[in-house]
Amino acid sequence: MLVIGIAGGTGSGKTTVVNQIIQELPEGEVCVISQDSYYKDTCHLPFDERTKINFDHPKAIDFDLLVAHLKELKKGNAIEQPIYSFIEHNRTKETITMHPKKVIIVEGILILTHTDIRELFDIKLYVYADSDERLIRRLRRDMSERSRDLDEVINRYQNTLKPMHQQFIEPTKEFADIIIPNNRYNTVAVDLIRKIINQKLIDN
């Protein structure tokens, strides 16, 4: 089993890189786990309090559960991955059954901040895009997919996303084995990762 961690700032294009990597890989051999599924359960808080949580701080992530789930997958066991609602700012009551695959990709802004998580990765990637590009992508996504208005997205970016990126996310580049600039389609880096994965599949 090959476990790959893909980090990078919000709106850097992590999901795009993931899709580019798995596009030409054998169907059914790869599973993708999103850090976003592992935001801590906040059902004990009223909605107004949940909206005030700093979701870009490592404390917002249930790393213990994510570590436990990755270890179970590495043992060959299935897991029940939580489902998170960005509209309700909380986990839903449903889960997704994830089965172990030959390649597991874990993506999220904070996954390289946690020592135990990093140690489970065979390859660590950091997707880089400049701050203007990331803001534009975040605006488009949050307004179209997460029912946010313009002022809300800009305020969160200025007050939370940007300082958290500078404090916690940007420094994790030093842990990456490969840094992928993603202001455009990066065929060289993506093809390199594909070759590594394909070789691993052949070896197994």
N, C-alpha and C. Protein backbone atom coordinates (compact mmCIF):
# COMPACT_ATOMS: atom_id res chain seq x y z
N MET A 1 0.85 -1.20 0.00
CA MET A 1 0.00 0.00 0.00
C MET A 1 0.88 1.24 0.00
N LEU A 2 0.50 2.22 -0.83
CA LEU A 2 1.22 3.49 -0.92
C LEU A 2 0.30 4.59 -0.40
N VAL A 3 0.74 5.33 0.61
CA VAL A 3 -0.06 6.40 1.19
C VAL A 3 0.58 7.74 0.84
N ILE A 4 -0.19 8.59 0.18
CA ILE A 4 0.31 9.88 -0.31
C ILE A 4 -0.45 11.01 0.38
N GLY A 5 0.27 11.97 0.93
CA GLY A 5 -0.34 13.15 1.52
C GLY A 5 -0.17 14.34 0.61
N ILE A 6 -1.26 15.05 0.34
CA ILE A 6 -1.22 16.24 -0.52
C ILE A 6 -1.75 17.43 0.26
N ALA A 7 -0.85 18.37 0.58
CA ALA A 7 -1.21 19.56 1.35
C ALA A 7 -1.08 20.80 0.47
N GLY A 8 -1.37 21.95 1.06
CA GLY A 8 -1.32 23.22 0.35
C GLY A 8 -2.40 24.14 0.87
N GLY A 9 -2.28 25.42 0.62
CA GLY A 9 -3.23 26.40 1.13
C GLY A 9 -4.61 26.24 0.52
N THR A 10 -5.59 26.87 1.16
CA THR A 10 -6.94 26.85 0.64
C THR A 10 -6.97 27.45 -0.76
N GLY A 11 -7.62 26.77 -1.69
CA GLY A 11 -7.70 27.26 -3.06
C GLY A 11 -6.42 27.08 -3.86
N SER A 12 -5.48 26.28 -3.36
CA SER A 12 -4.23 26.09 -4.08
C SER A 12 -4.38 25.13 -5.26
N GLY A 13 -5.43 24.35 -5.24
CA GLY A 13 -5.66 23.41 -6.34
C GLY A 13 -5.33 21.97 -5.99
N LYS A 14 -5.42 21.63 -4.71
CA LYS A 14 -5.11 20.26 -4.27
C LYS A 14 -6.03 19.25 -4.94
N THR A 15 -7.33 19.54 -4.95
CA THR A 15 -8.28 18.60 -5.53
C THR A 15 -8.01 18.42 -7.02
N THR A 16 -7.65 19.49 -7.71
CA THR A 16 -7.32 19.41 -9.13
C THR A 16 -6.12 18.50 -9.35
N VAL A 17 -5.10 18.65 -8.51
CA VAL A 17 -3.92 17.81 -8.63
C VAL A 17 -4.27 16.35 -8.35
N VAL A 18 -5.10 16.12 -7.33
CA VAL A 18 -5.54 14.75 -7.02
C VAL A 18 -6.22 14.14 -8.25
N ASN A 19 -7.13 14.89 -8.85
CA ASN A 19 -7.86 14.38 -10.01
C ASN A 19 -6.93 14.11 -11.20
N GLN A 20 -5.92 14.98 -11.36
CA GLN A 20 -4.96 14.79 -12.44
C GLN A 20 -4.14 13.52 -12.22
N ILE A 21 -3.80 13.27 -10.95
CA ILE A 21 -2.97 12.10 -10.63
C ILE A 21 -3.74 10.80 -10.87
N ILE A 22 -5.01 10.77 -10.43
CA ILE A 22 -5.75 9.50 -10.49
C ILE A 22 -6.43 9.28 -11.84
N GLN A 23 -6.42 10.31 -12.68
CA GLN A 23 -7.15 10.24 -13.95
C GLN A 23 -6.75 9.04 -14.80
N GLU A 24 -5.45 8.72 -14.83
CA GLU A 24 -4.98 7.65 -15.70
C GLU A 24 -4.51 6.43 -14.91
N LEU A 25 -4.85 6.37 -13.62
CA LEU A 25 -4.49 5.21 -12.82
C LEU A 25 -5.58 4.15 -12.92
N PRO A 26 -5.24 2.89 -12.64
CA PRO A 26 -6.24 1.82 -12.74
C PRO A 26 -7.45 2.09 -11.84
N GLU A 27 -8.63 1.92 -12.40
CA GLU A 27 -9.86 2.15 -11.65
C GLU A 27 -9.98 1.14 -10.51
N GLY A 28 -10.35 1.63 -9.35
CA GLY A 28 -10.54 0.76 -8.20
C GLY A 28 -9.29 0.52 -7.38
N GLU A 29 -8.15 1.10 -7.79
CA GLU A 29 -6.90 0.89 -7.06
C GLU A 29 -6.55 2.06 -6.14
N VAL A 30 -7.34 3.15 -6.22
CA VAL A 30 -7.02 4.36 -5.46
C VAL A 30 -8.24 4.82 -4.66
N CYS A 31 -8.02 5.21 -3.41
CA CYS A 31 -9.09 5.89 -2.66
C CYS A 31 -8.56 7.22 -2.15
N VAL A 32 -9.44 8.21 -2.09
CA VAL A 32 -9.07 9.56 -1.68
C VAL A 32 -9.80 9.89 -0.39
N ILE A 33 -9.04 10.35 0.58
CA ILE A 33 -9.59 10.76 1.87
C ILE A 33 -9.34 12.25 2.05
N SER A 34 -10.39 13.00 2.32
CA SER A 34 -10.27 14.45 2.51
C SER A 34 -10.18 14.79 3.99
N GLN A 35 -9.22 15.64 4.32
CA GLN A 35 -9.11 16.15 5.69
C GLN A 35 -10.42 16.80 6.13
N ASP A 36 -11.14 17.41 5.19
CA ASP A 36 -12.38 18.12 5.53
C ASP A 36 -13.41 17.21 6.18
N SER A 37 -13.32 15.90 5.90
CA SER A 37 -14.26 14.96 6.52
C SER A 37 -13.99 14.79 8.01
N TYR A 38 -12.83 15.25 8.45
CA TYR A 38 -12.41 14.98 9.83
C TYR A 38 -12.40 16.22 10.72
N TYR A 39 -13.19 17.24 10.33
CA TYR A 39 -13.42 18.33 11.28
C TYR A 39 -14.12 17.74 12.51
N LYS A 40 -13.77 18.25 13.66
CA LYS A 40 -14.32 17.69 14.90
C LYS A 40 -15.84 17.83 14.95
N ASP A 41 -16.46 16.88 15.61
CA ASP A 41 -17.90 16.90 15.80
C ASP A 41 -18.27 18.07 16.71
N THR A 42 -19.16 18.94 16.24
CA THR A 42 -19.54 20.13 17.02
C THR A 42 -21.04 20.15 17.29
N CYS A 43 -21.67 18.97 17.35
CA CYS A 43 -23.12 18.92 17.54
C CYS A 43 -23.54 19.47 18.91
N HIS A 44 -22.59 19.57 19.83
CA HIS A 44 -22.92 20.10 21.16
C HIS A 44 -23.02 21.62 21.16
N LEU A 45 -22.66 22.26 20.03
CA LEU A 45 -22.68 23.72 19.94
C LEU A 45 -23.86 24.18 19.09
N PRO A 46 -24.48 25.31 19.46
CA PRO A 46 -25.52 25.89 18.59
C PRO A 46 -24.91 26.39 17.29
N PHE A 47 -25.75 26.56 16.27
CA PHE A 47 -25.25 26.93 14.94
C PHE A 47 -24.41 28.21 14.98
N ASP A 48 -24.88 29.23 15.71
CA ASP A 48 -24.14 30.50 15.76
C ASP A 48 -22.73 30.32 16.31
N GLU A 49 -22.57 29.41 17.26
CA GLU A 49 -21.24 29.16 17.82
C GLU A 49 -20.38 28.39 16.83
N ARG A 50 -21.00 27.48 16.08
CA ARG A 50 -20.23 26.69 15.10
C ARG A 50 -19.68 27.57 14.00
N THR A 51 -20.41 28.61 13.62
CA THR A 51 -19.93 29.49 12.55
C THR A 51 -18.71 30.29 12.96
N LYS A 52 -18.46 30.40 14.25
CA LYS A 52 -17.33 31.19 14.76
C LYS A 52 -16.06 30.36 14.93
N ILE A 53 -16.14 29.06 14.73
CA ILE A 53 -14.98 28.19 14.91
C ILE A 53 -13.92 28.51 13.85
N ASN A 54 -12.68 28.52 14.26
CA ASN A 54 -11.57 28.71 13.33
C ASN A 54 -11.24 27.35 12.69
N PHE A 55 -11.81 27.09 11.52
CA PHE A 55 -11.65 25.80 10.87
C PHE A 55 -10.31 25.67 10.15
N ASP A 56 -9.50 26.70 10.20
CA ASP A 56 -8.19 26.65 9.56
C ASP A 56 -7.06 26.49 10.59
N HIS A 57 -7.44 26.19 11.82
CA HIS A 57 -6.48 25.91 12.88
C HIS A 57 -6.39 24.40 13.07
N PRO A 58 -5.20 23.86 13.31
CA PRO A 58 -5.07 22.41 13.49
C PRO A 58 -5.99 21.84 14.57
N LYS A 59 -6.34 22.64 15.57
CA LYS A 59 -7.21 22.14 16.65
C LYS A 59 -8.61 21.80 16.16
N ALA A 60 -8.97 22.29 14.96
CA ALA A 60 -10.31 22.01 14.44
C ALA A 60 -10.41 20.61 13.84
N ILE A 61 -9.27 19.95 13.65
CA ILE A 61 -9.24 18.65 12.98
C ILE A 61 -9.15 17.52 14.01
N ASP A 62 -9.94 16.48 13.80
CA ASP A 62 -9.88 15.29 14.65
C ASP A 62 -8.76 14.39 14.12
N PHE A 63 -7.52 14.79 14.41
CA PHE A 63 -6.37 14.05 13.91
C PHE A 63 -6.30 12.64 14.50
N ASP A 64 -6.76 12.49 15.74
CA ASP A 64 -6.73 11.16 16.36
C ASP A 64 -7.55 10.16 15.54
N LEU A 65 -8.73 10.59 15.10
CA LEU A 65 -9.58 9.71 14.30
C LEU A 65 -8.96 9.46 12.94
N LEU A 66 -8.39 10.50 12.33
CA LEU A 66 -7.78 10.34 11.02
C LEU A 66 -6.59 9.37 11.08
N VAL A 67 -5.75 9.51 12.11
CA VAL A 67 -4.63 8.59 12.29
C VAL A 67 -5.14 7.16 12.47
N ALA A 68 -6.15 7.00 13.32
CA ALA A 68 -6.70 5.67 13.58
C ALA A 68 -7.26 5.05 12.30
N HIS A 69 -7.93 5.86 11.49
CA HIS A 69 -8.51 5.35 10.26
C HIS A 69 -7.43 4.95 9.25
N LEU A 70 -6.39 5.75 9.14
CA LEU A 70 -5.31 5.41 8.22
C LEU A 70 -4.61 4.12 8.65
N LYS A 71 -4.43 3.96 9.94
CA LYS A 71 -3.80 2.74 10.43
C LYS A 71 -4.67 1.52 10.16
N GLU A 72 -5.98 1.68 10.28
CA GLU A 72 -6.89 0.58 9.99
C GLU A 72 -6.83 0.20 8.50
N LEU A 73 -6.81 1.21 7.64
CA LEU A 73 -6.71 0.94 6.21
C LEU A 73 -5.40 0.22 5.88
N LYS A 74 -4.31 0.64 6.51
CA LYS A 74 -3.01 0.00 6.27
C LYS A 74 -3.01 -1.45 6.74
N LYS A 75 -3.86 -1.75 7.72
CA LYS A 75 -4.00 -3.13 8.20
C LYS A 75 -4.90 -3.97 7.30
N GLY A 76 -5.55 -3.30 6.34
CA GLY A 76 -6.44 -4.01 5.44
C GLY A 76 -7.90 -3.99 5.86
N ASN A 77 -8.24 -3.11 6.80
CA ASN A 77 -9.61 -3.04 7.31
C ASN A 77 -10.34 -1.83 6.73
N ALA A 78 -11.64 -1.96 6.53
CA ALA A 78 -12.47 -0.84 6.08
C ALA A 78 -12.73 0.13 7.22
N ILE A 79 -13.05 1.37 6.87
CA ILE A 79 -13.37 2.39 7.87
C ILE A 79 -14.69 3.06 7.51
N GLU A 80 -15.28 3.75 8.49
CA GLU A 80 -16.47 4.56 8.26
C GLU A 80 -16.06 6.02 8.32
N GLN A 81 -15.83 6.62 7.16
CA GLN A 81 -15.37 8.01 7.10
C GLN A 81 -16.53 8.96 7.36
N PRO A 82 -16.33 9.94 8.24
CA PRO A 82 -17.39 10.92 8.50
C PRO A 82 -17.72 11.74 7.24
N ILE A 83 -18.90 12.31 7.22
CA ILE A 83 -19.31 13.24 6.17
C ILE A 83 -19.54 14.59 6.83
N TYR A 84 -18.92 15.64 6.29
CA TYR A 84 -19.01 16.96 6.90
C TYR A 84 -19.84 17.89 6.03
N SER A 85 -20.70 18.69 6.66
CA SER A 85 -21.52 19.67 5.96
C SER A 85 -20.97 21.07 6.19
N PHE A 86 -20.55 21.72 5.12
CA PHE A 86 -20.05 23.09 5.24
C PHE A 86 -21.19 24.09 5.40
N ILE A 87 -22.39 23.66 5.11
CA ILE A 87 -23.54 24.55 5.31
C ILE A 87 -23.96 24.55 6.78
N GLU A 88 -23.93 23.37 7.41
CA GLU A 88 -24.30 23.26 8.82
C GLU A 88 -23.10 23.45 9.75
N HIS A 89 -21.89 23.49 9.19
CA HIS A 89 -20.66 23.60 10.00
C HIS A 89 -20.58 22.44 11.00
N ASN A 90 -20.88 21.25 10.55
CA ASN A 90 -20.87 20.11 11.46
C ASN A 90 -20.89 18.82 10.65
N ARG A 91 -20.52 17.72 11.31
CA ARG A 91 -20.64 16.41 10.68
C ARG A 91 -22.12 16.06 10.51
N THR A 92 -22.41 15.32 9.47
CA THR A 92 -23.75 14.76 9.32
C THR A 92 -23.81 13.45 10.10
N LYS A 93 -24.96 12.83 10.12
CA LYS A 93 -25.09 11.56 10.82
C LYS A 93 -24.69 10.38 9.94
N GLU A 94 -24.45 10.64 8.64
CA GLU A 94 -24.06 9.58 7.73
C GLU A 94 -22.54 9.42 7.69
N THR A 95 -22.10 8.26 7.22
CA THR A 95 -20.69 8.00 6.98
C THR A 95 -20.54 7.33 5.62
N ILE A 96 -19.30 7.27 5.15
CA ILE A 96 -18.99 6.57 3.90
C ILE A 96 -18.04 5.42 4.22
N THR A 97 -18.38 4.23 3.77
CA THR A 97 -17.49 3.10 3.98
C THR A 97 -16.34 3.17 2.98
N MET A 98 -15.13 3.25 3.52
CA MET A 98 -13.93 3.30 2.68
C MET A 98 -13.16 2.00 2.85
N HIS A 99 -12.87 1.36 1.72
CA HIS A 99 -12.14 0.10 1.76
C HIS A 99 -10.66 0.34 1.43
N PRO A 100 -9.77 -0.46 1.98
CA PRO A 100 -8.33 -0.30 1.69
C PRO A 100 -8.05 -0.53 0.21
N LYS A 101 -7.17 0.30 -0.34
CA LYS A 101 -6.76 0.18 -1.74
C LYS A 101 -5.23 0.14 -1.80
N LYS A 102 -4.71 -0.12 -2.98
CA LYS A 102 -3.26 -0.15 -3.12
C LYS A 102 -2.66 1.25 -2.95
N VAL A 103 -3.44 2.27 -3.33
CA VAL A 103 -2.99 3.66 -3.16
C VAL A 103 -4.03 4.44 -2.40
N ILE A 104 -3.60 5.11 -1.34
CA ILE A 104 -4.49 5.98 -0.56
C ILE A 104 -3.94 7.40 -0.65
N ILE A 105 -4.77 8.32 -1.10
CA ILE A 105 -4.38 9.73 -1.18
C ILE A 105 -5.15 10.49 -0.11
N VAL A 106 -4.43 11.21 0.75
CA VAL A 106 -5.04 12.04 1.78
C VAL A 106 -4.74 13.49 1.43
N GLU A 107 -5.79 14.30 1.29
CA GLU A 107 -5.56 15.70 0.92
C GLU A 107 -6.21 16.64 1.93
N GLY A 108 -5.53 17.78 2.18
CA GLY A 108 -6.06 18.77 3.11
C GLY A 108 -5.02 19.81 3.45
N ILE A 109 -5.48 20.97 3.88
CA ILE A 109 -4.57 22.09 4.12
C ILE A 109 -3.65 21.85 5.31
N LEU A 110 -4.08 21.03 6.28
CA LEU A 110 -3.34 20.92 7.54
C LEU A 110 -2.70 19.55 7.76
N ILE A 111 -2.75 18.67 6.78
CA ILE A 111 -2.33 17.29 7.04
C ILE A 111 -0.84 17.15 7.32
N LEU A 112 -0.02 18.12 6.88
CA LEU A 112 1.41 18.02 7.16
C LEU A 112 1.80 18.71 8.46
N THR A 113 0.83 19.25 9.18
CA THR A 113 1.13 19.90 10.46
C THR A 113 1.23 18.90 11.60
N HIS A 114 0.76 17.68 11.36
CA HIS A 114 0.65 16.69 12.44
C HIS A 114 1.71 15.60 12.27
N THR A 115 2.55 15.42 13.27
CA THR A 115 3.67 14.48 13.17
C THR A 115 3.23 13.06 12.89
N ASP A 116 2.22 12.58 13.62
CA ASP A 116 1.78 11.19 13.45
C ASP A 116 1.21 10.94 12.05
N ILE A 117 0.54 11.96 11.50
CA ILE A 117 0.01 11.83 10.14
C ILE A 117 1.16 11.78 9.14
N ARG A 118 2.12 12.68 9.29
CA ARG A 118 3.26 12.72 8.36
C ARG A 118 3.98 11.38 8.31
N GLU A 119 4.12 10.75 9.45
CA GLU A 119 4.86 9.48 9.51
C GLU A 119 4.14 8.35 8.78
N LEU A 120 2.86 8.52 8.50
CA LEU A 120 2.10 7.49 7.79
C LEU A 120 2.18 7.65 6.27
N PHE A 121 2.72 8.79 5.83
CA PHE A 121 2.79 9.06 4.39
C PHE A 121 4.09 8.51 3.80
N ASP A 122 3.96 7.83 2.67
CA ASP A 122 5.13 7.39 1.91
C ASP A 122 5.66 8.52 1.04
N ILE A 123 4.75 9.36 0.56
CA ILE A 123 5.12 10.52 -0.26
C ILE A 123 4.33 11.72 0.25
N LYS A 124 5.01 12.86 0.41
CA LYS A 124 4.35 14.08 0.88
C LYS A 124 4.50 15.16 -0.20
N LEU A 125 3.34 15.67 -0.64
CA LEU A 125 3.30 16.70 -1.68
C LEU A 125 2.75 18.00 -1.10
N TYR A 126 3.25 19.11 -1.63
CA TYR A 126 2.70 20.42 -1.26
C TYR A 126 2.36 21.15 -2.55
N VAL A 127 1.09 21.52 -2.69
CA VAL A 127 0.64 22.23 -3.89
C VAL A 127 0.68 23.73 -3.62
N TYR A 128 1.41 24.44 -4.46
CA TYR A 128 1.61 25.88 -4.24
C TYR A 128 0.89 26.70 -5.30
N ALA A 129 0.21 27.76 -4.84
CA ALA A 129 -0.34 28.78 -5.74
C ALA A 129 -0.24 30.12 -5.00
N ASP A 130 -0.06 31.21 -5.74
CA ASP A 130 0.10 32.50 -5.06
C ASP A 130 -1.21 32.93 -4.40
N SER A 131 -1.10 33.87 -3.47
CA SER A 131 -2.23 34.23 -2.61
C SER A 131 -3.40 34.80 -3.39
N ASP A 132 -3.14 35.59 -4.42
CA ASP A 132 -4.24 36.15 -5.22
C ASP A 132 -5.04 35.06 -5.91
N GLU A 133 -4.33 34.10 -6.48
CA GLU A 133 -5.00 33.00 -7.16
C GLU A 133 -5.82 32.18 -6.18
N ARG A 134 -5.28 31.94 -4.99
CA ARG A 134 -5.99 31.15 -3.99
C ARG A 134 -7.26 31.86 -3.52
N LEU A 135 -7.18 33.19 -3.35
CA LEU A 135 -8.35 33.95 -2.92
C LEU A 135 -9.46 33.88 -3.97
N ILE A 136 -9.09 34.03 -5.24
CA ILE A 136 -10.08 33.97 -6.32
C ILE A 136 -10.77 32.61 -6.34
N ARG A 137 -9.98 31.55 -6.21
CA ARG A 137 -10.55 30.20 -6.22
C ARG A 137 -11.46 29.99 -5.01
N ARG A 138 -11.04 30.52 -3.86
CA ARG A 138 -11.84 30.37 -2.64
C ARG A 138 -13.17 31.11 -2.79
N LEU A 139 -13.13 32.30 -3.34
CA LEU A 139 -14.36 33.07 -3.55
C LEU A 139 -15.33 32.29 -4.43
N ARG A 140 -14.84 31.79 -5.55
CA ARG A 140 -15.71 31.06 -6.47
C ARG A 140 -16.31 29.82 -5.81
N ARG A 141 -15.49 29.08 -5.08
CA ARG A 141 -15.97 27.83 -4.48
C ARG A 141 -16.97 28.08 -3.37
N ASP A 142 -16.63 28.97 -2.44
CA ASP A 142 -17.49 29.17 -1.28
C ASP A 142 -18.83 29.79 -1.66
N MET A 143 -18.83 30.66 -2.66
CA MET A 143 -20.09 31.29 -3.06
C MET A 143 -20.96 30.34 -3.86
N SER A 144 -20.35 29.47 -4.66
CA SER A 144 -21.15 28.58 -5.52
C SER A 144 -21.50 27.27 -4.84
N GLU A 145 -20.62 26.77 -3.96
CA GLU A 145 -20.81 25.43 -3.39
C GLU A 145 -21.19 25.44 -1.91
N ARG A 146 -20.88 26.52 -1.19
CA ARG A 146 -21.06 26.50 0.25
C ARG A 146 -21.98 27.60 0.77
N SER A 147 -22.72 28.20 -0.12
CA SER A 147 -23.75 29.19 0.23
C SER A 147 -23.21 30.36 1.04
N ARG A 148 -21.97 30.80 0.74
CA ARG A 148 -21.40 31.96 1.42
C ARG A 148 -21.61 33.21 0.57
N ASP A 149 -21.72 34.37 1.23
CA ASP A 149 -21.78 35.61 0.46
C ASP A 149 -20.39 36.23 0.38
N LEU A 150 -20.25 37.24 -0.49
CA LEU A 150 -18.94 37.83 -0.79
C LEU A 150 -18.26 38.37 0.46
N ASP A 151 -18.99 39.16 1.26
CA ASP A 151 -18.40 39.77 2.45
C ASP A 151 -17.93 38.71 3.44
N GLU A 152 -18.71 37.66 3.58
CA GLU A 152 -18.35 36.59 4.52
C GLU A 152 -17.03 35.92 4.11
N VAL A 153 -16.89 35.63 2.82
CA VAL A 153 -15.69 34.97 2.34
C VAL A 153 -14.47 35.88 2.50
N ILE A 154 -14.62 37.16 2.14
CA ILE A 154 -13.49 38.09 2.24
C ILE A 154 -13.09 38.31 3.69
N ASN A 155 -14.06 38.47 4.58
CA ASN A 155 -13.74 38.66 5.99
C ASN A 155 -13.04 37.44 6.58
N ARG A 156 -13.52 36.26 6.23
CA ARG A 156 -12.88 35.04 6.74
C ARG A 156 -11.46 34.91 6.20
N TYR A 157 -11.29 35.28 4.94
CA TYR A 157 -9.95 35.20 4.34
C TYR A 157 -8.98 36.13 5.07
N GLN A 158 -9.41 37.37 5.29
CA GLN A 158 -8.53 38.36 5.91
C GLN A 158 -8.25 38.06 7.38
N ASN A 159 -9.28 37.62 8.10
CA ASN A 159 -9.16 37.46 9.55
C ASN A 159 -8.72 36.08 9.99
N THR A 160 -8.95 35.09 9.14
CA THR A 160 -8.65 33.72 9.55
C THR A 160 -7.74 32.99 8.56
N LEU A 161 -8.18 32.88 7.31
CA LEU A 161 -7.46 32.06 6.34
C LEU A 161 -6.03 32.53 6.13
N LYS A 162 -5.84 33.82 5.89
CA LYS A 162 -4.51 34.32 5.60
C LYS A 162 -3.55 34.15 6.78
N PRO A 163 -3.93 34.60 8.00
CA PRO A 163 -3.01 34.40 9.13
C PRO A 163 -2.75 32.94 9.46
N MET A 164 -3.76 32.08 9.32
CA MET A 164 -3.57 30.67 9.60
C MET A 164 -2.66 30.02 8.55
N HIS A 165 -2.81 30.48 7.31
CA HIS A 165 -1.94 29.97 6.25
C HIS A 165 -0.48 30.31 6.56
N GLN A 166 -0.25 31.55 6.96
CA GLN A 166 1.12 31.98 7.23
C GLN A 166 1.70 31.29 8.46
N GLN A 167 0.85 31.02 9.46
CA GLN A 167 1.33 30.43 10.71
C GLN A 167 1.50 28.92 10.62
N PHE A 168 0.55 28.24 10.00
CA PHE A 168 0.53 26.78 10.07
C PHE A 168 0.78 26.06 8.74
N ILE A 169 0.25 26.59 7.64
CA ILE A 169 0.24 25.83 6.40
C ILE A 169 1.51 26.06 5.57
N GLU A 170 1.83 27.31 5.29
CA GLU A 170 3.02 27.63 4.49
C GLU A 170 4.29 26.98 5.05
N PRO A 171 4.50 26.98 6.38
CA PRO A 171 5.73 26.36 6.91
C PRO A 171 5.84 24.86 6.65
N THR A 172 4.71 24.18 6.36
CA THR A 172 4.79 22.73 6.16
C THR A 172 5.40 22.36 4.82
N LYS A 173 5.71 23.34 3.99
CA LYS A 173 6.42 23.04 2.74
C LYS A 173 7.72 22.31 3.02
N GLU A 174 8.34 22.61 4.16
CA GLU A 174 9.63 22.00 4.48
C GLU A 174 9.52 20.49 4.67
N PHE A 175 8.32 19.99 4.94
CA PHE A 175 8.14 18.55 5.13
C PHE A 175 7.84 17.83 3.82
N ALA A 176 7.59 18.59 2.75
CA ALA A 176 7.16 17.99 1.48
C ALA A 176 8.34 17.36 0.74
N ASP A 177 8.09 16.22 0.12
CA ASP A 177 9.09 15.60 -0.75
C ASP A 177 9.10 16.29 -2.11
N ILE A 178 7.92 16.75 -2.54
CA ILE A 178 7.79 17.43 -3.84
C ILE A 178 6.84 18.61 -3.67
N ILE A 179 7.24 19.77 -4.19
CA ILE A 179 6.37 20.96 -4.21
C ILE A 179 5.89 21.16 -5.65
N ILE A 180 4.57 21.23 -5.82
CA ILE A 180 3.98 21.35 -7.15
C ILE A 180 3.41 22.75 -7.34
N PRO A 181 4.01 23.59 -8.17
CA PRO A 181 3.40 24.88 -8.49
C PRO A 181 2.13 24.63 -9.29
N ASN A 182 1.03 25.24 -8.87
CA ASN A 182 -0.25 24.93 -9.52
C ASN A 182 -0.96 26.17 -10.01
N ASN A 183 -0.20 27.15 -10.49
CA ASN A 183 -0.84 28.29 -11.15
C ASN A 183 -1.26 27.91 -12.57
N ARG A 184 -0.79 26.76 -13.01
CA ARG A 184 -1.19 26.23 -14.33
C ARG A 184 -1.07 24.71 -14.26
N TYR A 185 -1.51 24.04 -15.31
CA TYR A 185 -1.43 22.58 -15.34
C TYR A 185 0.04 22.17 -15.34
N ASN A 186 0.44 21.42 -14.32
CA ASN A 186 1.84 21.06 -14.18
C ASN A 186 2.04 19.60 -14.59
N THR A 187 2.25 19.38 -15.87
CA THR A 187 2.31 18.02 -16.39
C THR A 187 3.53 17.26 -15.90
N VAL A 188 4.67 17.94 -15.74
CA VAL A 188 5.89 17.25 -15.34
C VAL A 188 5.75 16.66 -13.95
N ALA A 189 5.31 17.48 -12.98
CA ALA A 189 5.18 17.00 -11.60
C ALA A 189 4.12 15.91 -11.49
N VAL A 190 2.99 16.13 -12.14
CA VAL A 190 1.90 15.15 -12.07
C VAL A 190 2.32 13.83 -12.71
N ASP A 191 2.98 13.89 -13.86
CA ASP A 191 3.45 12.67 -14.52
C ASP A 191 4.46 11.93 -13.66
N LEU A 192 5.30 12.68 -12.94
CA LEU A 192 6.28 12.07 -12.05
C LEU A 192 5.59 11.28 -10.95
N ILE A 193 4.56 11.87 -10.35
CA ILE A 193 3.82 11.19 -9.28
C ILE A 193 3.12 9.96 -9.83
N ARG A 194 2.54 10.09 -11.02
CA ARG A 194 1.87 8.94 -11.65
C ARG A 194 2.85 7.78 -11.85
N LYS A 195 4.05 8.10 -12.30
CA LYS A 195 5.04 7.05 -12.54
C LYS A 195 5.42 6.34 -11.25
N ILE A 196 5.56 7.12 -10.17
CA ILE A 196 5.89 6.52 -8.87
C ILE A 196 4.77 5.58 -8.43
N ILE A 197 3.53 6.04 -8.57
CA ILE A 197 2.39 5.22 -8.16
C ILE A 197 2.28 3.97 -9.01
N ASN A 198 2.43 4.12 -10.32
CA ASN A 198 2.33 2.97 -11.22
C ASN A 198 3.41 1.94 -10.92
N GLN A 199 4.61 2.40 -10.59
CA GLN A 199 5.68 1.49 -10.25
C GLN A 199 5.35 0.73 -8.97
N LYS A 200 4.76 1.45 -8.02
CA LYS A 200 4.36 0.81 -6.76
C LYS A 200 3.31 -0.27 -7.02
N LEU A 201 2.36 0.03 -7.90
CA LEU A 201 1.32 -0.95 -8.23
C LEU A 201 1.92 -2.18 -8.91
N ILE A 202 2.92 -1.95 -9.76
CA ILE A 202 3.58 -3.07 -10.44
C ILE A 202 4.35 -3.93 -9.43
N ASP A 203 5.05 -3.26 -8.50
CA ASP A 203 5.84 -3.97 -7.50
C ASP A 203 4.97 -4.84 -6.59
N ASN A 204 3.73 -4.37 -6.36
CA ASN A 204 2.84 -5.12 -5.49
C ASN A 204 2.05 -6.19 -6.24
